């Protein structure tokens, strides 16, 4: 089914709309994590609205060697690997192919951590909002939520502007709350709901973080 109109002009506009659904968390002094890169642009207006610190959540999708967009797992900020073994067995990825992808993604995760100045924050007992620009399969969002649970976070909330219903349901086993104002049964890709869905660069990320920290 074709999209007849855009839901959002761009990620920043999506974040402004999503922020209106999150005002009740203001009293909990939450931390805001934007899934890097695109989720950070959505997260900035939310962090500003809640007067909350914004940090990058760097999780790398482990994709099929020939179809990188097909996620078979994820690599979390603490270096742990989460794999969908059923998917790997179905599509017949060899262990050698899988380890090659994991190695490349580990190097990229470490590079981004250095580039973005990722910090090990005291999150135990805190409320944390994880923000992304949308949810199709949710492999990286799920890994992010599990990572935060290991950090001792008291409440985890996943906030996304648009998502597929089955992905939202899947996240409820990982997050305490899943907030999505636009659940789209015909979501084949997140970008189809944005007029401007250009890929962000490292420079964009650093500019977003600088803007947040100067607010």
N, C-alpha and C. Protein backbone atom coordinates (compact mmCIF):
# COMPACT_ATOMS: atom_id res chain seq x y z
N UNK A 1 0.85 -1.21 0.00
CA UNK A 1 0.00 0.00 0.00
C UNK A 1 0.88 1.24 0.00
N UNK A 2 0.76 2.15 -0.97
CA UNK A 2 1.62 3.32 -1.03
C UNK A 2 1.27 4.33 0.06
N UNK A 3 2.30 5.08 0.48
CA UNK A 3 2.06 6.15 1.43
C UNK A 3 1.42 7.32 0.71
N UNK A 4 0.29 7.82 1.22
CA UNK A 4 -0.42 8.91 0.57
C UNK A 4 0.06 10.28 1.05
N UNK A 5 0.67 10.32 2.20
CA UNK A 5 1.20 11.57 2.73
C UNK A 5 2.28 11.24 3.75
N UNK A 6 3.14 12.23 4.01
CA UNK A 6 4.19 12.04 5.00
C UNK A 6 3.61 12.26 6.40
N UNK A 7 4.09 11.49 7.35
CA UNK A 7 3.74 11.75 8.74
C UNK A 7 4.59 12.87 9.32
N UNK A 8 5.85 12.94 8.87
CA UNK A 8 6.81 13.87 9.46
C UNK A 8 7.62 14.56 8.37
N UNK A 9 7.87 15.84 8.56
CA UNK A 9 8.72 16.58 7.63
C UNK A 9 10.16 16.08 7.72
N UNK A 10 10.64 15.88 8.94
CA UNK A 10 12.00 15.38 9.16
C UNK A 10 12.08 14.81 10.58
N UNK A 11 13.25 14.34 10.99
CA UNK A 11 13.39 13.72 12.30
C UNK A 11 13.14 14.72 13.43
N UNK A 12 13.61 15.93 13.26
CA UNK A 12 13.44 16.93 14.32
C UNK A 12 11.94 17.20 14.55
N UNK A 13 11.18 17.32 13.47
CA UNK A 13 9.73 17.52 13.58
C UNK A 13 9.06 16.32 14.25
N UNK A 14 9.54 15.11 13.95
CA UNK A 14 8.99 13.91 14.59
C UNK A 14 9.26 13.95 16.09
N UNK A 15 10.45 14.41 16.47
CA UNK A 15 10.78 14.51 17.88
C UNK A 15 9.92 15.52 18.62
N UNK A 16 9.60 16.62 17.96
CA UNK A 16 8.75 17.64 18.58
C UNK A 16 7.35 17.08 18.85
N UNK A 17 6.82 16.30 17.90
CA UNK A 17 5.51 15.67 18.11
C UNK A 17 5.58 14.61 19.21
N UNK A 18 6.64 13.83 19.19
CA UNK A 18 6.77 12.75 20.17
C UNK A 18 6.94 13.31 21.58
N UNK A 19 7.60 14.46 21.69
CA UNK A 19 7.83 15.07 23.01
C UNK A 19 6.52 15.34 23.74
N UNK A 20 5.45 15.65 22.99
CA UNK A 20 4.15 15.93 23.62
C UNK A 20 3.56 14.71 24.30
N UNK A 21 4.01 13.52 23.92
CA UNK A 21 3.53 12.28 24.53
C UNK A 21 4.35 11.89 25.76
N UNK A 22 5.39 12.66 26.05
CA UNK A 22 6.36 12.24 27.07
C UNK A 22 6.48 13.21 28.23
N UNK A 23 5.62 14.22 28.28
CA UNK A 23 5.76 15.26 29.30
C UNK A 23 5.61 14.71 30.71
N UNK A 24 4.90 13.61 30.89
CA UNK A 24 4.68 13.07 32.23
C UNK A 24 5.97 12.53 32.86
N UNK A 25 7.01 12.33 32.06
CA UNK A 25 8.28 11.84 32.60
C UNK A 25 9.15 12.95 33.15
N UNK A 26 8.73 14.18 32.99
CA UNK A 26 9.51 15.34 33.45
C UNK A 26 9.84 15.22 34.94
N UNK A 27 8.90 14.76 35.74
CA UNK A 27 9.09 14.68 37.18
C UNK A 27 10.05 13.57 37.60
N UNK A 28 10.41 12.68 36.67
CA UNK A 28 11.29 11.56 37.00
C UNK A 28 12.76 11.85 36.69
N UNK A 29 13.07 13.06 36.23
CA UNK A 29 14.45 13.44 35.89
C UNK A 29 15.13 12.36 35.04
N UNK A 30 14.56 12.07 33.87
CA UNK A 30 15.08 10.95 33.08
C UNK A 30 16.38 11.30 32.34
N UNK A 31 17.07 10.26 31.93
CA UNK A 31 18.14 10.37 30.94
C UNK A 31 17.53 10.04 29.58
N UNK A 32 17.95 10.76 28.55
CA UNK A 32 17.48 10.50 27.18
C UNK A 32 18.64 9.94 26.37
N UNK A 33 18.43 8.79 25.75
CA UNK A 33 19.42 8.20 24.86
C UNK A 33 18.84 8.13 23.46
N UNK A 34 19.52 8.73 22.49
CA UNK A 34 19.13 8.62 21.10
C UNK A 34 19.95 7.55 20.42
N UNK A 35 19.29 6.60 19.77
CA UNK A 35 20.04 5.57 19.04
C UNK A 35 20.77 6.24 17.87
N UNK A 36 22.07 6.14 17.91
CA UNK A 36 22.89 6.82 16.91
C UNK A 36 22.89 6.03 15.59
N UNK A 37 22.71 6.79 14.47
CA UNK A 37 22.76 8.23 14.46
C UNK A 37 21.37 8.87 14.47
N UNK A 38 20.45 8.34 13.65
CA UNK A 38 19.19 9.03 13.39
C UNK A 38 18.35 9.32 14.61
N UNK A 39 18.37 8.43 15.60
CA UNK A 39 17.57 8.63 16.78
C UNK A 39 17.95 9.85 17.59
N UNK A 40 19.19 10.31 17.46
CA UNK A 40 19.62 11.49 18.21
C UNK A 40 18.89 12.75 17.75
N UNK A 41 18.63 12.86 16.47
CA UNK A 41 17.93 14.05 15.96
C UNK A 41 16.49 14.08 16.45
N UNK A 42 15.87 12.92 16.58
CA UNK A 42 14.52 12.83 17.15
C UNK A 42 14.56 13.14 18.65
N UNK A 43 15.61 12.69 19.30
CA UNK A 43 15.71 12.81 20.76
C UNK A 43 15.99 14.22 21.24
N UNK A 44 16.61 15.06 20.40
CA UNK A 44 17.00 16.40 20.86
C UNK A 44 15.82 17.23 21.35
N UNK A 45 14.72 17.38 20.59
CA UNK A 45 13.59 18.16 21.10
C UNK A 45 12.97 17.56 22.36
N UNK A 46 13.06 16.24 22.50
CA UNK A 46 12.53 15.58 23.70
C UNK A 46 13.37 15.96 24.91
N UNK A 47 14.69 15.88 24.76
CA UNK A 47 15.59 16.25 25.85
C UNK A 47 15.39 17.71 26.24
N UNK A 48 15.19 18.58 25.25
CA UNK A 48 14.97 19.99 25.54
C UNK A 48 13.64 20.21 26.25
N UNK A 49 12.60 19.50 25.82
CA UNK A 49 11.28 19.66 26.43
C UNK A 49 11.27 19.17 27.88
N UNK A 50 12.04 18.12 28.18
CA UNK A 50 12.07 17.54 29.53
C UNK A 50 13.22 18.08 30.36
N UNK A 51 14.01 18.99 29.75
CA UNK A 51 15.19 19.53 30.44
C UNK A 51 16.07 18.39 30.97
N UNK A 52 16.33 17.43 30.08
CA UNK A 52 17.03 16.21 30.46
C UNK A 52 18.32 16.07 29.66
N UNK A 53 19.33 15.40 30.22
CA UNK A 53 20.57 15.18 29.47
C UNK A 53 20.35 14.22 28.30
N UNK A 54 21.03 14.50 27.19
CA UNK A 54 20.94 13.67 25.99
C UNK A 54 22.29 13.01 25.74
N UNK A 55 22.25 11.71 25.52
CA UNK A 55 23.46 10.93 25.25
C UNK A 55 23.23 10.03 24.03
N UNK A 56 24.30 9.70 23.30
CA UNK A 56 24.16 8.75 22.20
C UNK A 56 24.13 7.32 22.71
N UNK A 57 23.24 6.52 22.17
CA UNK A 57 23.22 5.08 22.42
C UNK A 57 23.77 4.41 21.16
N UNK A 58 24.97 3.88 21.28
CA UNK A 58 25.63 3.31 20.11
C UNK A 58 25.48 1.80 20.14
N UNK A 59 24.58 1.31 19.31
CA UNK A 59 24.34 -0.12 19.13
C UNK A 59 24.48 -0.41 17.64
N UNK A 60 25.23 -1.42 17.31
CA UNK A 60 25.46 -1.74 15.90
C UNK A 60 24.67 -2.99 15.51
N UNK A 61 23.90 -2.85 14.44
CA UNK A 61 23.19 -4.00 13.90
C UNK A 61 24.18 -4.95 13.24
N UNK A 62 24.00 -6.23 13.48
CA UNK A 62 24.78 -7.26 12.78
C UNK A 62 23.90 -7.75 11.65
N UNK A 63 24.29 -7.42 10.44
CA UNK A 63 23.47 -7.73 9.27
C UNK A 63 23.95 -8.94 8.50
N UNK A 64 23.09 -9.41 7.63
CA UNK A 64 23.44 -10.49 6.70
C UNK A 64 24.61 -10.02 5.85
N UNK A 65 25.61 -10.89 5.62
CA UNK A 65 26.78 -10.49 4.84
C UNK A 65 26.45 -9.91 3.46
N UNK A 66 25.37 -10.41 2.82
CA UNK A 66 25.00 -9.93 1.49
C UNK A 66 23.82 -8.96 1.52
N UNK A 67 23.11 -8.89 2.63
CA UNK A 67 21.96 -7.99 2.79
C UNK A 67 22.09 -7.29 4.15
N UNK A 68 22.94 -6.27 4.24
CA UNK A 68 23.23 -5.65 5.54
C UNK A 68 22.01 -5.13 6.28
N UNK A 69 20.92 -4.78 5.56
CA UNK A 69 19.73 -4.27 6.22
C UNK A 69 18.94 -5.37 6.94
N UNK A 70 19.22 -6.61 6.61
CA UNK A 70 18.55 -7.74 7.27
C UNK A 70 19.32 -8.06 8.54
N UNK A 71 18.79 -7.64 9.69
CA UNK A 71 19.49 -7.81 10.95
C UNK A 71 19.38 -9.22 11.50
N UNK A 72 20.51 -9.78 11.90
CA UNK A 72 20.53 -11.10 12.53
C UNK A 72 21.03 -11.01 13.97
N UNK A 73 21.29 -9.80 14.41
CA UNK A 73 21.78 -9.60 15.77
C UNK A 73 22.20 -8.17 15.97
N UNK A 74 22.79 -7.91 17.13
CA UNK A 74 23.24 -6.55 17.46
C UNK A 74 24.40 -6.61 18.44
N UNK A 75 25.20 -5.55 18.41
CA UNK A 75 26.36 -5.40 19.28
C UNK A 75 26.11 -4.20 20.18
N UNK A 76 26.17 -4.39 21.50
CA UNK A 76 25.80 -3.35 22.45
C UNK A 76 27.03 -2.54 22.89
N UNK A 77 26.82 -1.40 23.56
CA UNK A 77 27.95 -0.54 23.94
C UNK A 77 28.99 -1.23 24.82
N UNK A 78 28.58 -2.23 25.60
CA UNK A 78 29.54 -2.94 26.45
C UNK A 78 30.18 -4.13 25.73
N UNK A 79 29.98 -4.21 24.42
CA UNK A 79 30.65 -5.23 23.62
C UNK A 79 29.96 -6.57 23.56
N UNK A 80 28.78 -6.70 24.17
CA UNK A 80 28.08 -7.98 24.13
C UNK A 80 27.36 -8.15 22.79
N UNK A 81 27.31 -9.38 22.33
CA UNK A 81 26.68 -9.72 21.06
C UNK A 81 25.38 -10.48 21.32
N UNK A 82 24.30 -9.98 20.73
CA UNK A 82 23.00 -10.66 20.80
C UNK A 82 22.68 -11.16 19.39
N UNK A 83 22.46 -12.46 19.26
CA UNK A 83 22.22 -13.05 17.94
C UNK A 83 20.86 -13.75 17.89
N UNK A 84 20.24 -13.67 16.73
CA UNK A 84 19.02 -14.41 16.45
C UNK A 84 19.44 -15.71 15.75
N UNK A 85 19.68 -16.74 16.55
CA UNK A 85 20.22 -17.99 16.01
C UNK A 85 19.23 -18.67 15.07
N UNK A 86 17.93 -18.53 15.34
CA UNK A 86 16.94 -19.13 14.44
C UNK A 86 17.03 -18.51 13.06
N UNK A 87 17.15 -17.17 13.02
CA UNK A 87 17.30 -16.49 11.74
C UNK A 87 18.58 -16.90 11.04
N UNK A 88 19.66 -16.97 11.80
CA UNK A 88 20.96 -17.34 11.22
C UNK A 88 20.90 -18.74 10.61
N UNK A 89 20.24 -19.66 11.31
CA UNK A 89 20.12 -21.02 10.78
C UNK A 89 19.25 -21.06 9.53
N UNK A 90 18.18 -20.26 9.53
CA UNK A 90 17.26 -20.27 8.38
C UNK A 90 17.94 -19.76 7.11
N UNK A 91 18.75 -18.71 7.26
CA UNK A 91 19.34 -18.11 6.06
C UNK A 91 20.77 -18.62 5.81
N UNK A 92 21.21 -19.56 6.65
CA UNK A 92 22.44 -20.31 6.39
C UNK A 92 23.67 -19.41 6.28
N UNK A 93 23.89 -18.64 7.31
CA UNK A 93 25.14 -17.87 7.42
C UNK A 93 26.17 -18.75 8.11
N UNK A 94 27.37 -18.83 7.55
CA UNK A 94 28.41 -19.63 8.19
C UNK A 94 28.99 -18.86 9.37
N UNK A 95 29.61 -19.58 10.29
CA UNK A 95 30.24 -18.95 11.45
C UNK A 95 31.36 -18.01 11.01
N UNK A 96 32.07 -18.37 9.97
CA UNK A 96 33.15 -17.51 9.46
C UNK A 96 32.58 -16.19 8.94
N UNK A 97 31.48 -16.26 8.18
CA UNK A 97 30.84 -15.03 7.67
C UNK A 97 30.34 -14.17 8.82
N UNK A 98 29.73 -14.82 9.80
CA UNK A 98 29.15 -14.09 10.94
C UNK A 98 30.24 -13.37 11.73
N UNK A 99 31.34 -14.05 12.00
CA UNK A 99 32.41 -13.45 12.79
C UNK A 99 33.08 -12.29 12.04
N UNK A 100 33.11 -12.37 10.72
CA UNK A 100 33.67 -11.27 9.93
C UNK A 100 32.81 -10.01 10.07
N UNK A 101 31.48 -10.19 10.02
CA UNK A 101 30.56 -9.05 10.20
C UNK A 101 30.68 -8.48 11.61
N UNK A 102 30.71 -9.35 12.61
CA UNK A 102 30.82 -8.90 14.00
C UNK A 102 32.12 -8.11 14.20
N UNK A 103 33.20 -8.58 13.61
CA UNK A 103 34.48 -7.88 13.74
C UNK A 103 34.42 -6.48 13.16
N UNK A 104 33.81 -6.34 11.98
CA UNK A 104 33.69 -5.01 11.37
C UNK A 104 32.81 -4.09 12.21
N UNK A 105 31.70 -4.62 12.70
CA UNK A 105 30.79 -3.80 13.49
C UNK A 105 31.40 -3.42 14.83
N UNK A 106 32.21 -4.28 15.39
CA UNK A 106 32.88 -3.96 16.66
C UNK A 106 33.85 -2.79 16.46
N UNK A 107 34.57 -2.82 15.35
CA UNK A 107 35.50 -1.72 15.06
C UNK A 107 34.74 -0.41 14.87
N UNK A 108 33.59 -0.46 14.18
CA UNK A 108 32.80 0.76 13.95
C UNK A 108 32.19 1.26 15.25
N UNK A 109 31.73 0.35 16.10
CA UNK A 109 31.18 0.76 17.39
C UNK A 109 32.24 1.49 18.22
N UNK A 110 33.44 0.93 18.27
CA UNK A 110 34.51 1.55 19.04
C UNK A 110 34.91 2.90 18.45
N UNK A 111 34.90 3.00 17.12
CA UNK A 111 35.24 4.28 16.48
C UNK A 111 34.21 5.35 16.86
N UNK A 112 32.92 4.98 16.82
CA UNK A 112 31.89 5.96 17.16
C UNK A 112 31.94 6.34 18.63
N UNK A 113 32.26 5.39 19.49
CA UNK A 113 32.38 5.72 20.90
C UNK A 113 33.48 6.76 21.12
N UNK A 114 34.58 6.60 20.43
CA UNK A 114 35.67 7.59 20.54
C UNK A 114 35.24 8.92 19.94
N UNK A 115 34.61 8.88 18.77
CA UNK A 115 34.24 10.10 18.04
C UNK A 115 33.20 10.91 18.80
N UNK A 116 32.22 10.22 19.40
CA UNK A 116 31.11 10.92 20.04
C UNK A 116 31.36 11.20 21.52
N UNK A 117 32.47 10.68 22.04
CA UNK A 117 32.76 10.93 23.45
C UNK A 117 31.77 10.25 24.37
N UNK A 118 31.43 9.00 24.09
CA UNK A 118 30.46 8.28 24.91
C UNK A 118 30.95 8.18 26.36
N UNK A 119 30.01 8.37 27.29
CA UNK A 119 30.35 8.38 28.72
C UNK A 119 29.66 7.23 29.43
N UNK A 120 30.34 6.68 30.44
CA UNK A 120 29.76 5.63 31.26
C UNK A 120 29.04 6.30 32.42
N UNK A 121 27.74 6.50 32.27
CA UNK A 121 26.96 7.28 33.23
C UNK A 121 26.43 6.40 34.36
N UNK A 122 26.21 6.98 35.55
CA UNK A 122 25.62 6.23 36.66
C UNK A 122 24.11 6.11 36.47
N UNK A 123 23.66 5.03 35.86
CA UNK A 123 22.26 4.87 35.48
C UNK A 123 21.45 4.03 36.45
N UNK A 124 22.09 3.40 37.42
CA UNK A 124 21.36 2.53 38.34
C UNK A 124 20.26 3.31 39.06
N UNK A 125 19.06 2.74 39.04
CA UNK A 125 17.93 3.36 39.71
C UNK A 125 17.27 4.50 38.96
N UNK A 126 17.72 4.79 37.74
CA UNK A 126 17.21 5.93 36.96
C UNK A 126 16.11 5.49 35.99
N UNK A 127 15.38 6.50 35.49
CA UNK A 127 14.46 6.31 34.37
C UNK A 127 15.19 6.73 33.10
N UNK A 128 15.16 5.87 32.10
CA UNK A 128 15.86 6.13 30.84
C UNK A 128 14.89 6.00 29.68
N UNK A 129 14.87 7.01 28.82
CA UNK A 129 14.10 6.98 27.58
C UNK A 129 15.04 6.71 26.43
N UNK A 130 14.77 5.65 25.68
CA UNK A 130 15.51 5.34 24.46
C UNK A 130 14.68 5.80 23.28
N UNK A 131 15.28 6.60 22.42
CA UNK A 131 14.55 7.21 21.30
C UNK A 131 15.19 6.81 19.98
N UNK A 132 14.35 6.43 19.02
CA UNK A 132 14.83 6.17 17.67
C UNK A 132 13.87 6.84 16.69
N UNK A 133 14.23 6.86 15.40
CA UNK A 133 13.39 7.52 14.40
C UNK A 133 12.25 6.64 13.92
N UNK A 134 12.25 5.38 14.31
CA UNK A 134 11.18 4.46 13.94
C UNK A 134 11.61 3.04 14.23
N UNK A 135 10.68 2.12 14.07
CA UNK A 135 10.95 0.74 14.43
C UNK A 135 10.34 -0.17 13.37
N UNK A 136 11.20 -0.90 12.67
CA UNK A 136 10.72 -1.88 11.70
C UNK A 136 10.85 -3.28 12.28
N UNK A 137 12.09 -3.71 12.54
CA UNK A 137 12.31 -5.02 13.17
C UNK A 137 12.62 -4.89 14.65
N UNK A 138 13.36 -3.85 15.04
CA UNK A 138 13.64 -3.59 16.44
C UNK A 138 14.85 -4.30 17.01
N UNK A 139 15.72 -4.84 16.16
CA UNK A 139 16.85 -5.62 16.67
C UNK A 139 17.80 -4.74 17.50
N UNK A 140 18.05 -3.51 17.06
CA UNK A 140 18.96 -2.65 17.82
C UNK A 140 18.29 -2.08 19.06
N UNK A 141 17.01 -1.73 18.96
CA UNK A 141 16.29 -1.21 20.12
C UNK A 141 16.20 -2.25 21.22
N UNK A 142 15.99 -3.49 20.86
CA UNK A 142 15.91 -4.56 21.84
C UNK A 142 17.25 -4.74 22.55
N UNK A 143 18.33 -4.72 21.79
CA UNK A 143 19.66 -4.86 22.37
C UNK A 143 19.97 -3.69 23.31
N UNK A 144 19.53 -2.48 22.94
CA UNK A 144 19.75 -1.31 23.78
C UNK A 144 19.02 -1.45 25.11
N UNK A 145 17.77 -1.93 25.07
CA UNK A 145 17.00 -2.12 26.29
C UNK A 145 17.62 -3.15 27.22
N UNK A 146 18.11 -4.23 26.65
CA UNK A 146 18.75 -5.27 27.47
C UNK A 146 20.04 -4.76 28.09
N UNK A 147 20.78 -3.95 27.34
CA UNK A 147 22.01 -3.34 27.88
C UNK A 147 21.68 -2.46 29.08
N UNK A 148 20.63 -1.65 28.99
CA UNK A 148 20.26 -0.76 30.09
C UNK A 148 19.81 -1.55 31.31
N UNK A 149 19.14 -2.66 31.12
CA UNK A 149 18.75 -3.50 32.25
C UNK A 149 19.99 -4.01 32.98
N UNK A 150 21.03 -4.37 32.21
CA UNK A 150 22.27 -4.82 32.84
C UNK A 150 22.94 -3.71 33.64
N UNK A 151 22.66 -2.46 33.26
CA UNK A 151 23.22 -1.31 33.96
C UNK A 151 22.43 -0.97 35.22
N UNK A 152 21.36 -1.69 35.49
CA UNK A 152 20.59 -1.46 36.70
C UNK A 152 19.58 -0.34 36.62
N UNK A 153 19.17 0.03 35.40
CA UNK A 153 18.18 1.09 35.21
C UNK A 153 16.85 0.66 35.84
N UNK A 154 16.19 1.60 36.54
CA UNK A 154 14.94 1.27 37.23
C UNK A 154 13.77 1.15 36.26
N UNK A 155 13.70 2.05 35.28
CA UNK A 155 12.60 2.04 34.31
C UNK A 155 13.15 2.35 32.93
N UNK A 156 12.82 1.52 31.96
CA UNK A 156 13.21 1.76 30.58
C UNK A 156 11.98 2.03 29.75
N UNK A 157 12.06 3.08 28.94
CA UNK A 157 10.96 3.49 28.08
C UNK A 157 11.49 3.61 26.66
N UNK A 158 10.85 2.96 25.72
CA UNK A 158 11.19 3.11 24.31
C UNK A 158 10.19 4.06 23.68
N UNK A 159 10.70 5.14 23.09
CA UNK A 159 9.85 6.15 22.47
C UNK A 159 10.22 6.28 21.00
N UNK A 160 9.26 6.01 20.12
CA UNK A 160 9.50 6.10 18.69
C UNK A 160 8.30 6.76 18.02
N UNK A 161 8.54 7.57 16.99
CA UNK A 161 7.42 8.26 16.33
C UNK A 161 6.51 7.33 15.54
N UNK A 162 7.09 6.27 14.93
CA UNK A 162 6.32 5.39 14.06
C UNK A 162 6.91 4.00 14.15
N UNK A 163 6.04 2.99 14.08
CA UNK A 163 6.56 1.62 14.18
C UNK A 163 5.55 0.63 13.62
N UNK A 164 6.04 -0.56 13.37
CA UNK A 164 5.18 -1.68 12.98
C UNK A 164 4.59 -2.29 14.24
N UNK A 165 3.31 -2.74 14.21
CA UNK A 165 2.67 -3.26 15.42
C UNK A 165 3.39 -4.47 16.01
N UNK A 166 3.85 -5.37 15.16
CA UNK A 166 4.51 -6.57 15.67
C UNK A 166 5.84 -6.22 16.35
N UNK A 167 6.54 -5.18 15.84
CA UNK A 167 7.79 -4.75 16.46
C UNK A 167 7.51 -4.13 17.83
N UNK A 168 6.46 -3.31 17.91
CA UNK A 168 6.10 -2.69 19.20
C UNK A 168 5.75 -3.77 20.23
N UNK A 169 5.00 -4.78 19.82
CA UNK A 169 4.64 -5.86 20.74
C UNK A 169 5.88 -6.61 21.22
N UNK A 170 6.83 -6.81 20.31
CA UNK A 170 8.04 -7.54 20.67
C UNK A 170 8.87 -6.77 21.71
N UNK A 171 8.85 -5.45 21.63
CA UNK A 171 9.64 -4.63 22.55
C UNK A 171 9.08 -4.62 23.97
N UNK A 172 7.82 -4.99 24.14
CA UNK A 172 7.20 -4.94 25.47
C UNK A 172 7.80 -5.96 26.43
N UNK A 173 8.49 -6.96 25.91
CA UNK A 173 9.16 -7.92 26.78
C UNK A 173 10.51 -7.39 27.26
N UNK A 174 10.99 -6.32 26.63
CA UNK A 174 12.29 -5.74 26.98
C UNK A 174 12.15 -4.44 27.75
N UNK A 175 11.19 -3.60 27.35
CA UNK A 175 11.01 -2.28 27.96
C UNK A 175 9.82 -2.26 28.90
N UNK A 176 9.89 -1.41 29.91
CA UNK A 176 8.77 -1.24 30.83
C UNK A 176 7.59 -0.55 30.14
N UNK A 177 7.91 0.37 29.22
CA UNK A 177 6.87 1.04 28.43
C UNK A 177 7.36 1.22 26.99
N UNK A 178 6.44 1.10 26.05
CA UNK A 178 6.71 1.40 24.65
C UNK A 178 5.70 2.45 24.22
N UNK A 179 6.20 3.61 23.78
CA UNK A 179 5.33 4.72 23.41
C UNK A 179 5.55 5.03 21.93
N UNK A 180 4.48 4.87 21.15
CA UNK A 180 4.54 5.14 19.72
C UNK A 180 3.20 5.71 19.28
N UNK A 181 3.15 6.98 18.90
CA UNK A 181 1.87 7.59 18.52
C UNK A 181 1.34 7.13 17.17
N UNK A 182 2.20 6.58 16.32
CA UNK A 182 1.77 6.17 14.98
C UNK A 182 2.19 4.72 14.74
N UNK A 183 1.27 3.79 14.99
CA UNK A 183 1.53 2.38 14.71
C UNK A 183 0.95 2.07 13.33
N UNK A 184 1.83 1.65 12.41
CA UNK A 184 1.46 1.49 11.01
C UNK A 184 1.56 0.03 10.58
N UNK A 185 0.43 -0.63 10.35
CA UNK A 185 0.46 -2.04 9.94
C UNK A 185 1.19 -2.26 8.62
N UNK A 186 1.22 -1.25 7.76
CA UNK A 186 1.85 -1.42 6.44
C UNK A 186 3.25 -0.83 6.39
N UNK A 187 3.93 -0.79 7.54
CA UNK A 187 5.28 -0.21 7.56
C UNK A 187 6.28 -1.20 6.97
N UNK A 188 6.81 -0.87 5.82
CA UNK A 188 7.86 -1.69 5.22
C UNK A 188 9.24 -1.09 5.47
N UNK A 189 9.31 0.22 5.64
CA UNK A 189 10.55 0.89 6.02
C UNK A 189 10.21 2.16 6.77
N UNK A 190 11.08 2.56 7.67
CA UNK A 190 10.84 3.76 8.47
C UNK A 190 10.88 5.01 7.58
N UNK A 191 11.81 5.04 6.65
CA UNK A 191 12.00 6.23 5.82
C UNK A 191 10.80 6.62 4.99
N UNK A 192 9.90 5.68 4.72
CA UNK A 192 8.74 6.00 3.88
C UNK A 192 7.80 7.00 4.54
N UNK A 193 7.92 7.20 5.85
CA UNK A 193 7.02 8.09 6.57
C UNK A 193 7.61 9.48 6.80
N UNK A 194 8.78 9.73 6.25
CA UNK A 194 9.46 11.01 6.38
C UNK A 194 9.65 11.66 5.01
N UNK A 195 9.38 12.97 4.94
CA UNK A 195 9.71 13.70 3.71
C UNK A 195 11.22 13.81 3.54
N UNK A 196 11.93 14.03 4.66
CA UNK A 196 13.39 14.14 4.64
C UNK A 196 13.93 13.08 5.59
N UNK A 197 14.56 12.06 5.03
CA UNK A 197 15.12 10.98 5.85
C UNK A 197 16.58 10.73 5.48
N UNK A 198 17.28 11.81 5.23
CA UNK A 198 18.69 11.66 4.85
C UNK A 198 19.49 11.04 5.99
N UNK A 199 20.54 10.33 5.64
CA UNK A 199 21.40 9.72 6.63
C UNK A 199 22.26 10.79 7.32
N UNK A 200 22.34 10.71 8.63
CA UNK A 200 23.15 11.67 9.36
C UNK A 200 24.62 11.26 9.33
N UNK A 201 25.49 12.25 9.50
CA UNK A 201 26.93 12.03 9.53
C UNK A 201 27.45 12.18 10.96
N UNK A 202 28.71 11.85 11.16
CA UNK A 202 29.34 12.08 12.46
C UNK A 202 29.28 13.56 12.81
N UNK A 203 29.48 14.42 11.83
CA UNK A 203 29.42 15.86 12.10
C UNK A 203 28.03 16.27 12.59
N UNK A 204 26.99 15.69 12.00
CA UNK A 204 25.62 15.97 12.45
C UNK A 204 25.44 15.56 13.91
N UNK A 205 25.95 14.38 14.25
CA UNK A 205 25.82 13.88 15.62
C UNK A 205 26.50 14.82 16.61
N UNK A 206 27.72 15.23 16.29
CA UNK A 206 28.45 16.12 17.19
C UNK A 206 27.75 17.46 17.33
N UNK A 207 27.13 17.94 16.26
CA UNK A 207 26.38 19.20 16.32
C UNK A 207 25.15 19.06 17.22
N UNK A 208 24.45 17.93 17.11
CA UNK A 208 23.27 17.67 17.95
C UNK A 208 23.68 17.62 19.43
N UNK A 209 24.75 16.93 19.73
CA UNK A 209 25.20 16.82 21.12
C UNK A 209 25.64 18.17 21.66
N UNK A 210 26.32 18.94 20.83
CA UNK A 210 26.75 20.27 21.26
C UNK A 210 25.56 21.17 21.53
N UNK A 211 24.54 21.10 20.66
CA UNK A 211 23.33 21.90 20.85
C UNK A 211 22.61 21.51 22.13
N UNK A 212 22.56 20.20 22.41
CA UNK A 212 21.89 19.73 23.62
C UNK A 212 22.62 20.21 24.87
N UNK A 213 23.94 20.13 24.86
CA UNK A 213 24.71 20.46 26.05
C UNK A 213 24.81 21.96 26.29
N UNK A 214 24.49 22.75 25.27
CA UNK A 214 24.48 24.20 25.43
C UNK A 214 23.11 24.73 25.82
N UNK A 215 22.08 23.86 25.76
CA UNK A 215 20.71 24.30 26.05
C UNK A 215 20.56 24.58 27.55
